[in-house]
Amino acid sequence: MSVSLPADKLREALARIAAWRLAPADPVACPVCEVQGLEVDDRSTRPYAEWYVLSCPSCGLAHTIHIPMSPSLPGGE
């Protein structure tokens, strides 16, 4: 059974992703159950979007977060 990310945990999940990006080798706690071991898979298509697949072996979290990004415009700086 997979568990989706509750809406009220999105901000915490984004903070955990930011921590993971700064230190990908360090353990990260799940935003749902708070157990260390959150798995983050970066499937981003920069510069168009960031996609992160979050999974937790402890509580069964299986969720994808999509963050749209603006592509650079021709002639822009």
Protein backbone atom coordinates (compact mmCIF):
# COMPACT_ATOMS: atom_id res chain seq x y z
CA MET A 1 0.00 0.00 0.00
CA SER A 2 1.39 3.40 -0.92
CA VAL A 3 0.71 6.55 1.05
CA SER A 4 0.37 9.92 -0.67
CA LEU A 5 1.71 13.11 0.86
CA PRO A 6 -0.94 14.94 2.90
CA ALA A 7 -1.42 18.54 1.70
CA ASP A 8 -0.40 19.95 5.09
CA LYS A 9 3.00 18.21 4.80
CA LEU A 10 4.01 19.76 1.45
CA ARG A 11 6.03 22.60 2.98
CA GLU A 12 7.92 20.12 5.16
CA ALA A 13 8.55 17.86 2.17
CA LEU A 14 10.02 20.79 0.21
CA ALA A 15 12.31 21.58 3.17
CA ARG A 16 13.45 17.92 3.25
CA ILE A 17 14.17 18.03 -0.49
CA ALA A 18 16.24 21.20 0.01
CA ALA A 19 18.21 19.48 2.80
CA TRP A 20 18.76 16.45 0.58
CA ARG A 21 20.03 18.63 -2.28
CA LEU A 22 22.59 20.25 0.06
CA ALA A 23 23.83 16.91 1.43
CA PRO A 24 22.56 13.97 -0.66
CA ALA A 25 24.58 11.41 1.31
CA ASP A 26 23.05 12.41 4.65
CA PRO A 27 19.92 10.62 5.89
CA VAL A 28 16.67 12.59 5.58
CA ALA A 29 13.60 12.11 7.74
CA CYS A 30 10.24 11.40 6.14
CA PRO A 31 7.86 14.41 6.32
CA VAL A 32 4.98 12.07 7.21
CA CYS A 33 6.34 9.61 9.80
CA GLU A 34 9.59 11.46 10.73
CA VAL A 35 11.67 8.25 10.44
CA GLN A 36 15.13 8.63 8.87
CA GLY A 37 15.45 7.00 5.48
CA LEU A 38 13.37 9.08 3.07
CA GLU A 39 14.41 8.22 -0.47
CA VAL A 40 14.52 11.12 -2.91
CA ASP A 41 14.83 10.52 -6.64
CA ASP A 42 15.49 13.66 -8.68
CA ARG A 43 13.82 13.28 -12.09
CA SER A 44 13.95 16.97 -12.96
CA THR A 45 13.95 18.31 -16.49
CA ARG A 46 15.76 21.56 -15.86
CA PRO A 47 15.31 24.34 -16.88
CA TYR A 48 11.65 23.44 -17.38
CA ALA A 49 10.61 21.67 -14.20
CA GLU A 50 11.82 19.98 -11.07
CA TRP A 51 10.36 16.53 -10.33
CA TYR A 52 11.10 14.65 -7.13
CA VAL A 53 9.88 11.17 -6.29
CA LEU A 54 9.68 10.67 -2.53
CA SER A 55 9.39 7.25 -0.96
CA CYS A 56 9.62 6.04 2.61
CA PRO A 57 10.15 2.37 3.40
CA SER A 58 8.85 2.92 6.94
CA CYS A 59 5.37 4.38 6.30
CA GLY A 60 4.95 3.57 2.60
CA LEU A 61 5.00 7.15 1.35
CA ALA A 62 5.09 7.23 -2.46
CA HIS A 63 4.64 10.72 -3.83
CA THR A 64 5.89 12.84 -6.72
CA ILE A 65 6.34 16.59 -6.38
CA HIS A 66 6.38 18.75 -9.52
CA ILE A 67 7.76 22.29 -9.40
CA PRO A 68 7.35 24.18 -12.71
CA MET A 69 10.18 26.50 -13.69
CA SER A 70 10.32 29.28 -16.24
CA PRO A 71 12.57 28.58 -19.22
CA SER A 72 14.96 31.34 -20.14
CA LEU A 73 13.67 33.52 -22.95
CA PRO A 74 15.74 34.12 -26.08
CA GLY A 75 17.61 37.41 -25.75
CA GLY A 76 17.00 37.54 -21.98
CA GLU A 77 19.78 37.91 -19.49
